[in-house]
Amino acid sequence: MANKPRSAEMHPGPGFRVRTTFKRLDAAFVREFTEFATPDISDLLNRLYAVDPAIHCLTGGHHSLCGLACTVKVFPGDNLMVHKSLDIAKPGDIIVVDAGASTLNAVLGDLVSTKAKHRGILGFVIDGLVRDLPGILELDWPVFARGTTPTGPLHRGPGEVNFPITCGGVV
């Protein structure tokens, strides 16, 4: 068996961190939230935890999301860690991406969306932009974001998966 290079054992540090597990809420408890309207949940949280309304459903008013978040922090316009999150997220998770509300590049398109749907991900919430909306619409699958751009993402990092983020002004 070949020896790994010493650099393979090095921790890449902040900006390239991936947490593969965390304490999860009971799935039945999470499903109970679907019985409530979003404004009612916001009221019960003293109106402190509502995402910026500029982040809206791009895929049709019939879509909604309720589930656990797999959080992703990316460098604006980069989606390397969005790809990595597809290996980490569990079926039934929602991938929530902090792209810093960037309007530089999309961080999601139809290829990543197709792969995520195939893996049982419930949908995406992006504090940034997406591309390939016609292809995403064909999936009949929820994507919430600030808008669209034809400009594709970079793939360099840095980024983090399953660490605290800010999405639409909410931690």
C-alpha atoms as a PDB file:
ATOM      1  CA  MET A   1       0.000   0.000   0.000  1.00  0.00           C
ATOM      2  CA  ALA A   2       1.370   3.410  -0.950  1.00  0.00           C
ATOM      3  CA  ASN A   3       2.142   5.888   1.806  1.00  0.00           C
ATOM      4  CA  LYS A   4       0.095   9.051   1.897  1.00  0.00           C
ATOM      5  CA  PRO A   5       2.045  12.270   1.636  1.00  0.00           C
ATOM      6  CA  ARG A   6       2.501  14.016   4.961  1.00  0.00           C
ATOM      7  CA  SER A   7       0.402  16.918   3.698  1.00  0.00           C
ATOM      8  CA  ALA A   8      -2.645  14.585   3.506  1.00  0.00           C
ATOM      9  CA  GLU A   9      -2.685  14.458   7.314  1.00  0.00           C
ATOM     10  CA  MET A  10      -2.559  18.218   7.767  1.00  0.00           C
ATOM     11  CA  HIS A  11      -5.707  20.021   8.847  1.00  0.00           C
ATOM     12  CA  PRO A  12      -6.473  22.592   6.161  1.00  0.00           C
ATOM     13  CA  GLY A  13      -7.622  25.139   8.748  1.00  0.00           C
ATOM     14  CA  PRO A  14     -10.406  27.688   8.715  1.00  0.00           C
ATOM     15  CA  GLY A  15     -11.979  28.091   5.363  1.00  0.00           C
ATOM     16  CA  PHE A  16     -11.685  24.407   4.461  1.00  0.00           C
ATOM     17  CA  ARG A  17     -13.517  22.762   7.343  1.00  0.00           C
ATOM     18  CA  VAL A  18     -16.094  20.002   7.006  1.00  0.00           C
ATOM     19  CA  ARG A  19     -18.144  18.658   9.892  1.00  0.00           C
ATOM     20  CA  THR A  20     -19.606  15.314   8.838  1.00  0.00           C
ATOM     21  CA  THR A  21     -21.868  14.773  11.842  1.00  0.00           C
ATOM     22  CA  PHE A  22     -23.810  16.816  14.363  1.00  0.00           C
ATOM     23  CA  LYS A  23     -26.569  16.193  16.876  1.00  0.00           C
ATOM     24  CA  ARG A  24     -29.788  15.992  14.854  1.00  0.00           C
ATOM     25  CA  LEU A  25     -33.299  16.812  15.982  1.00  0.00           C
ATOM     26  CA  ASP A  26     -35.803  13.977  15.839  1.00  0.00           C
ATOM     27  CA  ALA A  27     -37.307  13.788  12.313  1.00  0.00           C
ATOM     28  CA  ALA A  28     -40.872  13.515  13.679  1.00  0.00           C
ATOM     29  CA  PHE A  29     -40.357  16.718  15.677  1.00  0.00           C
ATOM     30  CA  VAL A  30     -39.068  18.554  12.603  1.00  0.00           C
ATOM     31  CA  ARG A  31     -42.061  17.385  10.516  1.00  0.00           C
ATOM     32  CA  GLU A  32     -44.420  18.969  13.078  1.00  0.00           C
ATOM     33  CA  PHE A  33     -43.296  22.415  11.868  1.00  0.00           C
ATOM     34  CA  THR A  34     -45.084  21.774   8.558  1.00  0.00           C
ATOM     35  CA  GLU A  35     -48.384  22.252  10.422  1.00  0.00           C
ATOM     36  CA  PHE A  36     -47.608  25.950  10.976  1.00  0.00           C
ATOM     37  CA  ALA A  37     -47.493  28.900   8.598  1.00  0.00           C
ATOM     38  CA  THR A  38     -44.110  30.608   8.345  1.00  0.00           C
ATOM     39  CA  PRO A  39     -45.474  33.932   9.735  1.00  0.00           C
ATOM     40  CA  ASP A  40     -46.776  32.078  12.810  1.00  0.00           C
ATOM     41  CA  ILE A  41     -43.343  30.546  13.438  1.00  0.00           C
ATOM     42  CA  SER A  42     -41.762  33.982  13.003  1.00  0.00           C
ATOM     43  CA  ASP A  43     -44.211  35.486  15.519  1.00  0.00           C
ATOM     44  CA  LEU A  44     -43.424  32.780  18.060  1.00  0.00           C
ATOM     45  CA  LEU A  45     -39.715  33.540  17.642  1.00  0.00           C
ATOM     46  CA  ASN A  46     -40.401  37.200  18.473  1.00  0.00           C
ATOM     47  CA  ARG A  47     -39.919  38.151  14.821  1.00  0.00           C
ATOM     48  CA  LEU A  48     -36.153  37.810  15.141  1.00  0.00           C
ATOM     49  CA  TYR A  49     -35.452  34.918  12.772  1.00  0.00           C
ATOM     50  CA  ALA A  50     -36.992  35.576   9.369  1.00  0.00           C
ATOM     51  CA  VAL A  51     -34.716  35.381   6.340  1.00  0.00           C
ATOM     52  CA  ASP A  52     -34.431  38.481   4.138  1.00  0.00           C
ATOM     53  CA  PRO A  53     -37.416  38.426   1.735  1.00  0.00           C
ATOM     54  CA  ALA A  54     -35.045  39.043  -1.174  1.00  0.00           C
ATOM     55  CA  ILE A  55     -34.322  35.311  -0.851  1.00  0.00           C
ATOM     56  CA  HIS A  56     -37.407  33.855  -2.481  1.00  0.00           C
ATOM     57  CA  CYS A  57     -38.576  30.716  -4.232  1.00  0.00           C
ATOM     58  CA  LEU A  58     -37.394  30.777  -7.833  1.00  0.00           C
ATOM     59  CA  THR A  59     -39.084  27.501  -8.736  1.00  0.00           C
ATOM     60  CA  GLY A  60     -42.766  28.206  -8.123  1.00  0.00           C
ATOM     61  CA  GLY A  61     -45.110  29.209  -5.334  1.00  0.00           C
ATOM     62  CA  HIS A  62     -46.164  25.595  -4.784  1.00  0.00           C
ATOM     63  CA  HIS A  63     -42.782  24.764  -3.227  1.00  0.00           C
ATOM     64  CA  SER A  64     -41.957  24.978   0.459  1.00  0.00           C
ATOM     65  CA  LEU A  65     -39.174  23.593   2.609  1.00  0.00           C
ATOM     66  CA  CYS A  66     -39.064  22.192   6.137  1.00  0.00           C
ATOM     67  CA  GLY A  67     -36.138  20.155   7.391  1.00  0.00           C
ATOM     68  CA  LEU A  68     -32.706  20.193   8.928  1.00  0.00           C
ATOM     69  CA  ALA A  69     -30.077  22.456   7.402  1.00  0.00           C
ATOM     70  CA  CYS A  70     -26.750  21.328   6.051  1.00  0.00           C
ATOM     71  CA  THR A  71     -24.970  24.683   6.145  1.00  0.00           C
ATOM     72  CA  VAL A  72     -22.372  25.762   3.609  1.00  0.00           C
ATOM     73  CA  LYS A  73     -20.163  28.856   3.730  1.00  0.00           C
ATOM     74  CA  VAL A  74     -18.533  29.719   0.420  1.00  0.00           C
ATOM     75  CA  PHE A  75     -16.270  32.410  -0.891  1.00  0.00           C
ATOM     76  CA  PRO A  76     -18.614  34.646  -2.931  1.00  0.00           C
ATOM     77  CA  GLY A  77     -19.103  33.153  -6.365  1.00  0.00           C
ATOM     78  CA  ASP A  78     -17.408  29.822  -5.534  1.00  0.00           C
ATOM     79  CA  ASN A  79     -19.201  26.489  -5.165  1.00  0.00           C
ATOM     80  CA  LEU A  80     -16.470  23.973  -4.305  1.00  0.00           C
ATOM     81  CA  MET A  81     -17.996  23.330  -0.886  1.00  0.00           C
ATOM     82  CA  VAL A  82     -21.525  23.172  -2.321  1.00  0.00           C
ATOM     83  CA  HIS A  83     -20.291  20.123  -4.238  1.00  0.00           C
ATOM     84  CA  LYS A  84     -18.753  18.717  -1.033  1.00  0.00           C
ATOM     85  CA  SER A  85     -22.022  19.255   0.852  1.00  0.00           C
ATOM     86  CA  LEU A  86     -23.717  16.745  -1.450  1.00  0.00           C
ATOM     87  CA  ASP A  87     -21.468  14.067   0.070  1.00  0.00           C
ATOM     88  CA  ILE A  88     -22.214  15.214   3.636  1.00  0.00           C
ATOM     89  CA  ALA A  89     -25.938  16.063   3.635  1.00  0.00           C
ATOM     90  CA  LYS A  90     -28.403  13.315   4.514  1.00  0.00           C
ATOM     91  CA  PRO A  91     -31.571  12.556   2.573  1.00  0.00           C
ATOM     92  CA  GLY A  92     -34.238  14.952   3.863  1.00  0.00           C
ATOM     93  CA  ASP A  93     -31.746  17.759   4.579  1.00  0.00           C
ATOM     94  CA  ILE A  94     -31.947  21.249   3.094  1.00  0.00           C
ATOM     95  CA  ILE A  95     -28.658  22.715   1.900  1.00  0.00           C
ATOM     96  CA  VAL A  96     -28.400  26.342   3.042  1.00  0.00           C
ATOM     97  CA  VAL A  97     -25.581  28.321   1.406  1.00  0.00           C
ATOM     98  CA  ASP A  98     -24.059  31.554   2.678  1.00  0.00           C
ATOM     99  CA  ALA A  99     -22.604  33.130  -0.461  1.00  0.00           C
ATOM    100  CA  GLY A 100     -22.494  36.545   1.182  1.00  0.00           C
ATOM    101  CA  ALA A 101     -25.411  37.814  -0.942  1.00  0.00           C
ATOM    102  CA  SER A 102     -22.888  38.050  -3.769  1.00  0.00           C
ATOM    103  CA  THR A 103     -23.978  39.057  -7.252  1.00  0.00           C
ATOM    104  CA  LEU A 104     -20.657  38.011  -8.833  1.00  0.00           C
ATOM    105  CA  ASN A 105     -21.341  34.415  -9.901  1.00  0.00           C
ATOM    106  CA  ALA A 106     -23.931  31.719  -9.382  1.00  0.00           C
ATOM    107  CA  VAL A 107     -23.136  29.078  -6.768  1.00  0.00           C
ATOM    108  CA  LEU A 108     -25.752  26.586  -7.980  1.00  0.00           C
ATOM    109  CA  GLY A 109     -27.013  25.345 -11.331  1.00  0.00           C
ATOM    110  CA  ASP A 110     -29.014  22.535 -12.868  1.00  0.00           C
ATOM    111  CA  LEU A 111     -26.261  19.900 -12.618  1.00  0.00           C
ATOM    112  CA  VAL A 112     -25.743  20.268  -8.859  1.00  0.00           C
ATOM    113  CA  SER A 113     -29.513  20.547  -8.360  1.00  0.00           C
ATOM    114  CA  THR A 114     -30.109  17.320 -10.286  1.00  0.00           C
ATOM    115  CA  LYS A 115     -27.471  15.493  -8.257  1.00  0.00           C
ATOM    116  CA  ALA A 116     -28.893  16.859  -4.977  1.00  0.00           C
ATOM    117  CA  LYS A 117     -32.462  15.839  -5.840  1.00  0.00           C
ATOM    118  CA  HIS A 118     -31.247  12.360  -6.809  1.00  0.00           C
ATOM    119  CA  ARG A 119     -29.548  12.050  -3.393  1.00  0.00           C
ATOM    120  CA  GLY A 120     -32.746  12.927  -1.511  1.00  0.00           C
ATOM    121  CA  ILE A 121     -31.883  16.513  -0.595  1.00  0.00           C
ATOM    122  CA  LEU A 122     -35.139  18.472  -0.098  1.00  0.00           C
ATOM    123  CA  GLY A 123     -33.927  21.691  -1.720  1.00  0.00           C
ATOM    124  CA  PHE A 124     -31.590  24.670  -1.549  1.00  0.00           C
ATOM    125  CA  VAL A 125     -31.675  28.062   0.130  1.00  0.00           C
ATOM    126  CA  ILE A 126     -28.962  30.290  -1.344  1.00  0.00           C
ATOM    127  CA  ASP A 127     -27.920  33.703  -0.049  1.00  0.00           C
ATOM    128  CA  GLY A 128     -26.638  34.463  -3.518  1.00  0.00           C
ATOM    129  CA  LEU A 129     -27.454  33.653  -7.123  1.00  0.00           C
ATOM    130  CA  VAL A 130     -28.180  30.561  -9.228  1.00  0.00           C
ATOM    131  CA  ARG A 131     -27.891  29.802 -12.932  1.00  0.00           C
ATOM    132  CA  ASP A 132     -29.547  27.385 -15.373  1.00  0.00           C
ATOM    133  CA  LEU A 133     -33.009  28.166 -13.994  1.00  0.00           C
ATOM    134  CA  PRO A 134     -34.875  26.527 -16.919  1.00  0.00           C
ATOM    135  CA  GLY A 135     -33.084  23.235 -16.148  1.00  0.00           C
ATOM    136  CA  ILE A 136     -33.824  23.585 -12.428  1.00  0.00           C
ATOM    137  CA  LEU A 137     -37.498  24.300 -13.181  1.00  0.00           C
ATOM    138  CA  GLU A 138     -37.698  20.983 -15.052  1.00  0.00           C
ATOM    139  CA  LEU A 139     -36.808  19.210 -11.803  1.00  0.00           C
ATOM    140  CA  ASP A 140     -39.948  20.596 -10.072  1.00  0.00           C
ATOM    141  CA  TRP A 141     -37.827  20.980  -6.980  1.00  0.00           C
ATOM    142  CA  PRO A 142     -37.463  23.912  -4.532  1.00  0.00           C
ATOM    143  CA  VAL A 143     -34.653  26.419  -4.880  1.00  0.00           C
ATOM    144  CA  PHE A 144     -34.754  29.682  -2.948  1.00  0.00           C
ATOM    145  CA  ALA A 145     -32.205  32.365  -3.845  1.00  0.00           C
ATOM    146  CA  ARG A 146     -31.750  36.100  -4.436  1.00  0.00           C
ATOM    147  CA  GLY A 147     -31.915  35.743  -8.201  1.00  0.00           C
ATOM    148  CA  THR A 148     -30.196  34.412 -11.296  1.00  0.00           C
ATOM    149  CA  THR A 149     -27.158  35.097 -13.444  1.00  0.00           C
ATOM    150  CA  PRO A 150     -25.670  33.302 -16.438  1.00  0.00           C
ATOM    151  CA  THR A 151     -22.186  33.568 -14.910  1.00  0.00           C
ATOM    152  CA  GLY A 152     -21.013  30.231 -13.543  1.00  0.00           C
ATOM    153  CA  PRO A 153     -19.171  29.617 -10.291  1.00  0.00           C
ATOM    154  CA  LEU A 154     -15.519  29.236  -9.469  1.00  0.00           C
ATOM    155  CA  HIS A 155     -14.333  25.950  -7.914  1.00  0.00           C
ATOM    156  CA  ARG A 156     -11.424  26.853  -5.650  1.00  0.00           C
ATOM    157  CA  GLY A 157     -12.737  27.433  -2.159  1.00  0.00           C
ATOM    158  CA  PRO A 158     -12.403  28.291   0.583  1.00  0.00           C
ATOM    159  CA  GLY A 159     -15.561  27.130   2.289  1.00  0.00           C
ATOM    160  CA  GLU A 160     -17.023  25.226   5.222  1.00  0.00           C
ATOM    161  CA  VAL A 161     -19.754  22.631   5.666  1.00  0.00           C
ATOM    162  CA  ASN A 162     -21.914  22.288   8.801  1.00  0.00           C
ATOM    163  CA  PHE A 163     -20.482  25.257  10.671  1.00  0.00           C
ATOM    164  CA  PRO A 164     -22.468  28.383  11.642  1.00  0.00           C
ATOM    165  CA  ILE A 165     -23.378  30.672   8.740  1.00  0.00           C
ATOM    166  CA  THR A 166     -25.478  33.723   8.063  1.00  0.00           C
ATOM    167  CA  CYS A 167     -28.205  33.386   5.462  1.00  0.00           C
ATOM    168  CA  GLY A 168     -30.379  36.347   4.642  1.00  0.00           C
ATOM    169  CA  GLY A 169     -29.352  38.090   7.850  1.00  0.00           C
ATOM    170  CA  VAL A 170     -30.118  35.121  10.123  1.00  0.00           C
ATOM    171  CA  VAL A 171     -27.442  33.045  11.854  1.00  0.00           C
END
